[in-house]
Each structure stands twice: as structure tokens, then as C-alpha cells.
């Protein structure tokens, strides 16, 4: 998604993004952090520790790769306004 070096994250967190982004984009209005954690933990390519899933999601939020609207995770899309109140 991001090519800017200042937005670089560890590979395993970028992998979490690659797992979550298509699922979030394909859902109506995103989904909760708890659901995102469950989806990461259920994925074979992601570590099986809940703390890892929580940390990855927090880092994606802190780095701007994901954002939250009404407790639903959304994928940041640089081609549209993320402040429109929806995912």
C-alpha cells in the first residue's frame, strides 16, 4: 500500500495489513478490532498470540494504514477523503 519509507513497518505487521485489508474493504462498514484480531489469529501465516494481533492492529492504526470510524476498522485510501465519516 504505502511506498514512503517513513511509513515502513516490520514485515509481520505489513503481513497483518495484507491479511486484513481485503477483508475490511469487502465488508460493509469495516469490522471491529476484536473481529480483526480473530481473523489474524485464524490465519495460518500470522503468529498465534493474541498480543501479537492486538499489537499489529494498534501499529497499523498508529501508522495510518488503518483508521477507525464508530469502532469499525477501515482501510486508509490515499485517493479519497478519510474524514467523510464512513469506511
PDB file of N, CA and C in Angstrom:
ATOM      1  N   UNK A   1       0.831  -1.182   0.000  1.00  0.00           N
ATOM      2  CA  UNK A   1       0.000   0.000   0.000  1.00  0.00           C
ATOM      3  C   UNK A   1       0.874   1.243   0.000  1.00  0.00           C
ATOM      4  N   UNK A   2       1.681   1.450   1.022  1.00  0.00           N
ATOM      5  CA  UNK A   2       2.475   2.671   1.149  1.00  0.00           C
ATOM      6  C   UNK A   2       3.882   2.412   0.651  1.00  0.00           C
ATOM      7  N   UNK A   3       4.400   3.350  -0.107  1.00  0.00           N
ATOM      8  CA  UNK A   3       5.757   3.241  -0.632  1.00  0.00           C
ATOM      9  C   UNK A   3       6.720   4.171   0.085  1.00  0.00           C
ATOM     10  N   UNK A   4       6.204   5.088   0.888  1.00  0.00           N
ATOM     11  CA  UNK A   4       7.009   6.054   1.608  1.00  0.00           C
ATOM     12  C   UNK A   4       7.778   5.345   2.727  1.00  0.00           C
ATOM     13  N   UNK A   5       9.085   5.486   2.743  1.00  0.00           N
ATOM     14  CA  UNK A   5       9.921   4.828   3.747  1.00  0.00           C
ATOM     15  C   UNK A   5       9.551   5.210   5.178  1.00  0.00           C
ATOM     16  N   UNK A   6       9.057   6.426   5.394  1.00  0.00           N
ATOM     17  CA  UNK A   6       8.712   6.851   6.745  1.00  0.00           C
ATOM     18  C   UNK A   6       7.504   6.079   7.274  1.00  0.00           C
ATOM     19  N   UNK A   7       6.759   5.405   6.420  1.00  0.00           N
ATOM     20  CA  UNK A   7       5.596   4.640   6.825  1.00  0.00           C
ATOM     21  C   UNK A   7       5.933   3.161   6.935  1.00  0.00           C
ATOM     22  N   UNK A   8       7.182   2.808   6.824  1.00  0.00           N
ATOM     23  CA  UNK A   8       7.608   1.424   6.844  1.00  0.00           C
ATOM     24  C   UNK A   8       7.328   0.774   8.202  1.00  0.00           C
ATOM     25  N   UNK A   9       6.830  -0.454   8.155  1.00  0.00           N
ATOM     26  CA  UNK A   9       6.560  -1.245   9.353  1.00  0.00           C
ATOM     27  C   UNK A   9       7.277  -2.575   9.225  1.00  0.00           C
ATOM     28  N   UNK A  10       7.473  -3.283  10.334  1.00  0.00           N
ATOM     29  CA  UNK A  10       8.068  -4.615  10.241  1.00  0.00           C
ATOM     30  C   UNK A  10       7.237  -5.509   9.317  1.00  0.00           C
ATOM     31  N   UNK A  11       7.904  -6.445   8.670  1.00  0.00           N
ATOM     32  CA  UNK A  11       7.240  -7.308   7.693  1.00  0.00           C
ATOM     33  C   UNK A  11       6.018  -8.017   8.259  1.00  0.00           C
ATOM     34  N   UNK A  12       6.092  -8.511   9.486  1.00  0.00           N
ATOM     35  CA  UNK A  12       4.971  -9.287  10.028  1.00  0.00           C
ATOM     36  C   UNK A  12       3.742  -8.399  10.261  1.00  0.00           C
ATOM     37  N   UNK A  13       3.969  -7.101  10.500  1.00  0.00           N
ATOM     38  CA  UNK A  13       2.839  -6.179  10.659  1.00  0.00           C
ATOM     39  C   UNK A  13       2.282  -5.816   9.280  1.00  0.00           C
ATOM     40  N   UNK A  14       3.150  -5.647   8.291  1.00  0.00           N
ATOM     41  CA  UNK A  14       2.664  -5.444   6.933  1.00  0.00           C
ATOM     42  C   UNK A  14       1.893  -6.670   6.457  1.00  0.00           C
ATOM     43  N   UNK A  15       2.329  -7.864   6.869  1.00  0.00           N
ATOM     44  CA  UNK A  15       1.583  -9.082   6.545  1.00  0.00           C
ATOM     45  C   UNK A  15       0.185  -9.037   7.158  1.00  0.00           C
ATOM     46  N   UNK A  16       0.075  -8.525   8.376  1.00  0.00           N
ATOM     47  CA  UNK A  16      -1.237  -8.382   9.021  1.00  0.00           C
ATOM     48  C   UNK A  16      -2.118  -7.464   8.177  1.00  0.00           C
ATOM     49  N   UNK A  17      -1.550  -6.385   7.660  1.00  0.00           N
ATOM     50  CA  UNK A  17      -2.299  -5.482   6.790  1.00  0.00           C
ATOM     51  C   UNK A  17      -2.779  -6.216   5.544  1.00  0.00           C
ATOM     52  N   UNK A  18      -1.903  -6.993   4.945  1.00  0.00           N
ATOM     53  CA  UNK A  18      -2.255  -7.732   3.730  1.00  0.00           C
ATOM     54  C   UNK A  18      -3.363  -8.751   4.001  1.00  0.00           C
ATOM     55  N   UNK A  19      -3.408  -9.288   5.187  1.00  0.00           N
ATOM     56  CA  UNK A  19      -4.459 -10.229   5.575  1.00  0.00           C
ATOM     57  C   UNK A  19      -5.772  -9.481   5.784  1.00  0.00           C
ATOM     58  N   UNK A  20      -5.706  -8.353   6.481  1.00  0.00           N
ATOM     59  CA  UNK A  20      -6.924  -7.637   6.877  1.00  0.00           C
ATOM     60  C   UNK A  20      -7.514  -6.737   5.795  1.00  0.00           C
ATOM     61  N   UNK A  21      -6.685  -6.048   5.045  1.00  0.00           N
ATOM     62  CA  UNK A  21      -7.181  -5.024   4.118  1.00  0.00           C
ATOM     63  C   UNK A  21      -8.263  -5.543   3.165  1.00  0.00           C
ATOM     64  N   UNK A  22      -8.046  -6.659   2.478  1.00  0.00           N
ATOM     65  CA  UNK A  22      -9.098  -7.111   1.552  1.00  0.00           C
ATOM     66  C   UNK A  22     -10.394  -7.485   2.273  1.00  0.00           C
ATOM     67  N   UNK A  23     -10.281  -8.033   3.462  1.00  0.00           N
ATOM     68  CA  UNK A  23     -11.467  -8.418   4.234  1.00  0.00           C
ATOM     69  C   UNK A  23     -12.232  -7.185   4.717  1.00  0.00           C
ATOM     70  N   UNK A  24     -11.485  -6.172   5.159  1.00  0.00           N
ATOM     71  CA  UNK A  24     -12.125  -4.932   5.613  1.00  0.00           C
ATOM     72  C   UNK A  24     -12.800  -4.236   4.438  1.00  0.00           C
ATOM     73  N   UNK A  25     -12.078  -4.129   3.331  1.00  0.00           N
ATOM     74  CA  UNK A  25     -12.631  -3.439   2.156  1.00  0.00           C
ATOM     75  C   UNK A  25     -13.855  -4.169   1.604  1.00  0.00           C
ATOM     76  N   UNK A  26     -13.891  -5.476   1.747  1.00  0.00           N
ATOM     77  CA  UNK A  26     -15.001  -6.255   1.234  1.00  0.00           C
ATOM     78  C   UNK A  26     -16.203  -6.320   2.158  1.00  0.00           C
ATOM     79  N   UNK A  27     -16.072  -5.749   3.354  1.00  0.00           N
ATOM     80  CA  UNK A  27     -17.176  -5.791   4.307  1.00  0.00           C
ATOM     81  C   UNK A  27     -17.963  -4.490   4.247  1.00  0.00           C
ATOM     82  N   UNK A  28     -19.174  -4.530   4.732  1.00  0.00           N
ATOM     83  CA  UNK A  28     -19.994  -3.321   4.828  1.00  0.00           C
ATOM     84  C   UNK A  28     -19.570  -2.532   6.063  1.00  0.00           C
ATOM     85  N   UNK A  29     -18.896  -1.423   5.882  1.00  0.00           N
ATOM     86  CA  UNK A  29     -18.540  -0.563   7.001  1.00  0.00           C
ATOM     87  C   UNK A  29     -17.408  -1.038   7.872  1.00  0.00           C
ATOM     88  N   UNK A  30     -16.537  -1.922   7.383  1.00  0.00           N
ATOM     89  CA  UNK A  30     -15.415  -2.400   8.177  1.00  0.00           C
ATOM     90  C   UNK A  30     -15.852  -3.380   9.247  1.00  0.00           C
ATOM     91  N   UNK A  31     -14.939  -3.693  10.181  1.00  0.00           N
ATOM     92  CA  UNK A  31     -15.294  -4.518  11.317  1.00  0.00           C
ATOM     93  C   UNK A  31     -14.482  -4.161  12.533  1.00  0.00           C
ATOM     94  N   UNK A  32     -14.872  -4.669  13.686  1.00  0.00           N
ATOM     95  CA  UNK A  32     -14.289  -4.282  14.967  1.00  0.00           C
ATOM     96  C   UNK A  32     -12.849  -4.779  15.110  1.00  0.00           C
ATOM     97  N   UNK A  33     -12.148  -4.188  16.081  1.00  0.00           N
ATOM     98  CA  UNK A  33     -10.793  -4.655  16.383  1.00  0.00           C
ATOM     99  C   UNK A  33     -10.817  -6.106  16.839  1.00  0.00           C
ATOM    100  N   UNK A  34     -11.832  -6.495  17.621  1.00  0.00           N
ATOM    101  CA  UNK A  34     -11.928  -7.881  18.095  1.00  0.00           C
ATOM    102  C   UNK A  34     -12.071  -8.844  16.918  1.00  0.00           C
ATOM    103  N   UNK A  35     -12.897  -8.488  15.950  1.00  0.00           N
ATOM    104  CA  UNK A  35     -13.056  -9.339  14.773  1.00  0.00           C
ATOM    105  C   UNK A  35     -11.760  -9.388  13.966  1.00  0.00           C
ATOM    106  N   UNK A  36     -11.079  -8.253  13.848  1.00  0.00           N
ATOM    107  CA  UNK A  36      -9.801  -8.213  13.137  1.00  0.00           C
ATOM    108  C   UNK A  36      -8.776  -9.112  13.831  1.00  0.00           C
ATOM    109  N   UNK A  37      -8.721  -9.042  15.139  1.00  0.00           N
ATOM    110  CA  UNK A  37      -7.804  -9.908  15.891  1.00  0.00           C
ATOM    111  C   UNK A  37      -8.132 -11.374  15.636  1.00  0.00           C
ATOM    112  N   UNK A  38      -9.404 -11.735  15.672  1.00  0.00           N
ATOM    113  CA  UNK A  38      -9.807 -13.121  15.423  1.00  0.00           C
ATOM    114  C   UNK A  38      -9.413 -13.568  14.023  1.00  0.00           C
ATOM    115  N   UNK A  39      -9.578 -12.694  13.054  1.00  0.00           N
ATOM    116  CA  UNK A  39      -9.213 -13.039  11.676  1.00  0.00           C
ATOM    117  C   UNK A  39      -7.701 -13.224  11.527  1.00  0.00           C
ATOM    118  N   UNK A  40      -6.926 -12.386  12.194  1.00  0.00           N
ATOM    119  CA  UNK A  40      -5.475 -12.561  12.148  1.00  0.00           C
ATOM    120  C   UNK A  40      -5.067 -13.876  12.803  1.00  0.00           C
ATOM    121  N   UNK A  41      -5.617 -14.149  13.969  1.00  0.00           N
ATOM    122  CA  UNK A  41      -5.257 -15.366  14.702  1.00  0.00           C
ATOM    123  C   UNK A  41      -5.678 -16.631  13.957  1.00  0.00           C
ATOM    124  N   UNK A  42      -6.725 -16.551  13.159  1.00  0.00           N
ATOM    125  CA  UNK A  42      -7.198 -17.700  12.399  1.00  0.00           C
ATOM    126  C   UNK A  42      -6.378 -17.933  11.127  1.00  0.00           C
ATOM    127  N   UNK A  43      -5.595 -16.934  10.732  1.00  0.00           N
ATOM    128  CA  UNK A  43      -4.809 -17.039   9.505  1.00  0.00           C
ATOM    129  C   UNK A  43      -3.526 -17.829   9.775  1.00  0.00           C
ATOM    130  N   UNK A  44      -3.227 -18.785   8.917  1.00  0.00           N
ATOM    131  CA  UNK A  44      -2.044 -19.645   9.096  1.00  0.00           C
ATOM    132  C   UNK A  44      -0.726 -18.884   9.056  1.00  0.00           C
ATOM    133  N   UNK A  45      -0.674 -17.782   8.324  1.00  0.00           N
ATOM    134  CA  UNK A  45       0.576 -17.050   8.152  1.00  0.00           C
ATOM    135  C   UNK A  45       0.835 -16.021   9.242  1.00  0.00           C
ATOM    136  N   UNK A  46      -0.023 -15.957  10.254  1.00  0.00           N
ATOM    137  CA  UNK A  46       0.141 -14.966  11.316  1.00  0.00           C
ATOM    138  C   UNK A  46       0.441 -15.679  12.628  1.00  0.00           C
ATOM    139  N   UNK A  47       1.282 -15.069  13.509  1.00  0.00           N
ATOM    140  CA  UNK A  47       1.550 -15.670  14.817  1.00  0.00           C
ATOM    141  C   UNK A  47       0.256 -15.918  15.596  1.00  0.00           C
ATOM    142  N   UNK A  48       0.267 -16.925  16.438  1.00  0.00           N
ATOM    143  CA  UNK A  48      -0.960 -17.335  17.125  1.00  0.00           C
ATOM    144  C   UNK A  48      -1.168 -16.691  18.493  1.00  0.00           C
ATOM    145  N   UNK A  49      -0.401 -15.669  18.804  1.00  0.00           N
ATOM    146  CA  UNK A  49      -0.532 -14.994  20.097  1.00  0.00           C
ATOM    147  C   UNK A  49      -1.483 -13.801  19.994  1.00  0.00           C
ATOM    148  N   UNK A  50      -2.522 -13.752  20.831  1.00  0.00           N
ATOM    149  CA  UNK A  50      -3.443 -12.613  20.804  1.00  0.00           C
ATOM    150  C   UNK A  50      -2.749 -11.262  20.971  1.00  0.00           C
ATOM    151  N   UNK A  51      -1.712 -11.212  21.778  1.00  0.00           N
ATOM    152  CA  UNK A  51      -0.998  -9.946  21.977  1.00  0.00           C
ATOM    153  C   UNK A  51      -0.348  -9.474  20.673  1.00  0.00           C
ATOM    154  N   UNK A  52       0.099 -10.401  19.833  1.00  0.00           N
ATOM    155  CA  UNK A  52       0.681 -10.031  18.538  1.00  0.00           C
ATOM    156  C   UNK A  52      -0.372  -9.413  17.633  1.00  0.00           C
ATOM    157  N   UNK A  53      -1.564  -9.991  17.616  1.00  0.00           N
ATOM    158  CA  UNK A  53      -2.645  -9.460  16.788  1.00  0.00           C
ATOM    159  C   UNK A  53      -3.045  -8.066  17.272  1.00  0.00           C
ATOM    160  N   UNK A  54      -3.178  -7.910  18.560  1.00  0.00           N
ATOM    161  CA  UNK A  54      -3.536  -6.603  19.120  1.00  0.00           C
ATOM    162  C   UNK A  54      -2.471  -5.561  18.789  1.00  0.00           C
ATOM    163  N   UNK A  55      -1.201  -5.925  18.961  1.00  0.00           N
ATOM    164  CA  UNK A  55      -0.099  -5.006  18.682  1.00  0.00           C
ATOM    165  C   UNK A  55      -0.075  -4.622  17.200  1.00  0.00           C
ATOM    166  N   UNK A  56      -0.253  -5.597  16.317  1.00  0.00           N
ATOM    167  CA  UNK A  56      -0.219  -5.320  14.878  1.00  0.00           C
ATOM    168  C   UNK A  56      -1.322  -4.331  14.499  1.00  0.00           C
ATOM    169  N   UNK A  57      -2.514  -4.541  15.017  1.00  0.00           N
ATOM    170  CA  UNK A  57      -3.627  -3.642  14.703  1.00  0.00           C
ATOM    171  C   UNK A  57      -3.353  -2.239  15.236  1.00  0.00           C
ATOM    172  N   UNK A  58      -2.837  -2.151  16.447  1.00  0.00           N
ATOM    173  CA  UNK A  58      -2.510  -0.833  17.017  1.00  0.00           C
ATOM    174  C   UNK A  58      -1.454  -0.119  16.187  1.00  0.00           C
ATOM    175  N   UNK A  59      -0.436  -0.840  15.746  1.00  0.00           N
ATOM    176  CA  UNK A  59       0.607  -0.227  14.918  1.00  0.00           C
ATOM    177  C   UNK A  59       0.043   0.230  13.573  1.00  0.00           C
ATOM    178  N   UNK A  60      -0.859  -0.571  12.978  1.00  0.00           N
ATOM    179  CA  UNK A  60      -1.483  -0.176  11.714  1.00  0.00           C
ATOM    180  C   UNK A  60      -2.338   1.075  11.893  1.00  0.00           C
ATOM    181  N   UNK A  61      -3.014   1.169  13.023  1.00  0.00           N
ATOM    182  CA  UNK A  61      -3.795   2.369  13.328  1.00  0.00           C
ATOM    183  C   UNK A  61      -2.872   3.562  13.574  1.00  0.00           C
ATOM    184  N   UNK A  62      -1.845   3.372  14.407  1.00  0.00           N
ATOM    185  CA  UNK A  62      -0.922   4.456  14.742  1.00  0.00           C
ATOM    186  C   UNK A  62      -0.169   4.975  13.515  1.00  0.00           C
ATOM    187  N   UNK A  63       0.098   4.089  12.569  1.00  0.00           N
ATOM    188  CA  UNK A  63       0.855   4.463  11.370  1.00  0.00           C
ATOM    189  C   UNK A  63      -0.026   4.978  10.252  1.00  0.00           C
ATOM    190  N   UNK A  64      -1.330   4.933  10.437  1.00  0.00           N
ATOM    191  CA  UNK A  64      -2.240   5.457   9.436  1.00  0.00           C
ATOM    192  C   UNK A  64      -2.617   4.488   8.334  1.00  0.00           C
ATOM    193  N   UNK A  65      -2.226   3.240   8.444  1.00  0.00           N
ATOM    194  CA  UNK A  65      -2.597   2.252   7.422  1.00  0.00           C
ATOM    195  C   UNK A  65      -4.067   1.877   7.575  1.00  0.00           C
ATOM    196  N   UNK A  66      -4.562   1.916   8.810  1.00  0.00           N
ATOM    197  CA  UNK A  66      -5.976   1.707   9.109  1.00  0.00           C
ATOM    198  C   UNK A  66      -6.462   2.900   9.912  1.00  0.00           C
ATOM    199  N   UNK A  67      -7.759   3.110   9.934  1.00  0.00           N
ATOM    200  CA  UNK A  67      -8.361   4.115  10.801  1.00  0.00           C
ATOM    201  C   UNK A  67      -9.667   3.551  11.327  1.00  0.00           C
ATOM    202  N   UNK A  68     -10.247   4.237  12.298  1.00  0.00           N
ATOM    203  CA  UNK A  68     -11.453   3.748  12.947  1.00  0.00           C
ATOM    204  C   UNK A  68     -12.582   4.765  12.848  1.00  0.00           C
ATOM    205  N   UNK A  69     -13.780   4.274  12.523  1.00  0.00           N
ATOM    206  CA  UNK A  69     -14.987   5.092  12.495  1.00  0.00           C
ATOM    207  C   UNK A  69     -16.048   4.315  13.261  1.00  0.00           C
ATOM    208  N   UNK A  70     -16.585   4.930  14.314  1.00  0.00           N
ATOM    209  CA  UNK A  70     -17.627   4.273  15.119  1.00  0.00           C
ATOM    210  C   UNK A  70     -17.234   2.845  15.508  1.00  0.00           C
ATOM    211  N   UNK A  71     -16.008   2.687  15.969  1.00  0.00           N
ATOM    212  CA  UNK A  71     -15.466   1.407  16.436  1.00  0.00           C
ATOM    213  C   UNK A  71     -15.340   0.347  15.346  1.00  0.00           C
ATOM    214  N   UNK A  72     -15.334   0.765  14.085  1.00  0.00           N
ATOM    215  CA  UNK A  72     -15.109  -0.142  12.965  1.00  0.00           C
ATOM    216  C   UNK A  72     -13.802   0.226  12.282  1.00  0.00           C
ATOM    217  N   UNK A  73     -12.980  -0.776  11.988  1.00  0.00           N
ATOM    218  CA  UNK A  73     -11.727  -0.536  11.285  1.00  0.00           C
ATOM    219  C   UNK A  73     -11.996  -0.316   9.809  1.00  0.00           C
ATOM    220  N   UNK A  74     -11.244   0.611   9.238  1.00  0.00           N
ATOM    221  CA  UNK A  74     -11.347   0.937   7.820  1.00  0.00           C
ATOM    222  C   UNK A  74      -9.936   1.019   7.257  1.00  0.00           C
ATOM    223  N   UNK A  75      -9.821   0.778   5.962  1.00  0.00           N
ATOM    224  CA  UNK A  75      -8.532   0.858   5.285  1.00  0.00           C
ATOM    225  C   UNK A  75      -8.336   2.282   4.789  1.00  0.00           C
ATOM    226  N   UNK A  76      -7.199   2.862   5.093  1.00  0.00           N
ATOM    227  CA  UNK A  76      -6.871   4.196   4.620  1.00  0.00           C
ATOM    228  C   UNK A  76      -6.622   4.130   3.123  1.00  0.00           C
ATOM    229  N   UNK A  77      -7.282   4.991   2.408  1.00  0.00           N
ATOM    230  CA  UNK A  77      -7.150   5.068   0.962  1.00  0.00           C
ATOM    231  C   UNK A  77      -6.721   6.482   0.628  1.00  0.00           C
ATOM    232  N   UNK A  78      -5.516   6.626   0.151  1.00  0.00           N
ATOM    233  CA  UNK A  78      -4.988   7.958  -0.116  1.00  0.00           C
ATOM    234  C   UNK A  78      -5.713   8.661  -1.258  1.00  0.00           C
ATOM    235  N   UNK A  79      -6.558   7.932  -2.009  1.00  0.00           N
ATOM    236  CA  UNK A  79      -7.274   8.535  -3.137  1.00  0.00           C
ATOM    237  C   UNK A  79      -8.619   9.134  -2.746  1.00  0.00           C
ATOM    238  N   UNK A  80      -9.015   9.016  -1.460  1.00  0.00           N
ATOM    239  CA  UNK A  80     -10.290   9.618  -1.052  1.00  0.00           C
ATOM    240  C   UNK A  80     -10.158  10.230   0.335  1.00  0.00           C
ATOM    241  N   UNK A  81     -11.117  11.012   0.695  1.00  0.00           N
ATOM    242  CA  UNK A  81     -11.117  11.717   1.977  1.00  0.00           C
ATOM    243  C   UNK A  81     -11.516  10.759   3.087  1.00  0.00           C
ATOM    244  N   UNK A  82     -10.616  10.510   4.049  1.00  0.00           N
ATOM    245  CA  UNK A  82     -10.924   9.581   5.144  1.00  0.00           C
ATOM    246  C   UNK A  82     -11.748  10.238   6.218  1.00  0.00           C
ATOM    247  N   UNK A  83     -12.017  11.504   6.101  1.00  0.00           N
ATOM    248  CA  UNK A  83     -12.800  12.202   7.114  1.00  0.00           C
ATOM    249  C   UNK A  83     -14.283  12.304   6.733  1.00  0.00           C
ATOM    250  N   UNK A  84     -14.749  11.460   5.806  1.00  0.00           N
ATOM    251  CA  UNK A  84     -16.131  11.561   5.382  1.00  0.00           C
ATOM    252  C   UNK A  84     -17.092  10.803   6.310  1.00  0.00           C
ATOM    253  N   UNK A  85     -16.563  10.163   7.373  1.00  0.00           N
ATOM    254  CA  UNK A  85     -17.417   9.523   8.358  1.00  0.00           C
ATOM    255  C   UNK A  85     -17.829   8.105   8.028  1.00  0.00           C
ATOM    256  N   UNK A  86     -17.251   7.538   6.979  1.00  0.00           N
ATOM    257  CA  UNK A  86     -17.594   6.170   6.617  1.00  0.00           C
ATOM    258  C   UNK A  86     -16.337   5.429   6.167  1.00  0.00           C
ATOM    259  N   UNK A  87     -16.472   4.128   6.036  1.00  0.00           N
ATOM    260  CA  UNK A  87     -15.352   3.307   5.562  1.00  0.00           C
ATOM    261  C   UNK A  87     -15.404   3.154   4.052  1.00  0.00           C
TER     262      UNK A  87
END
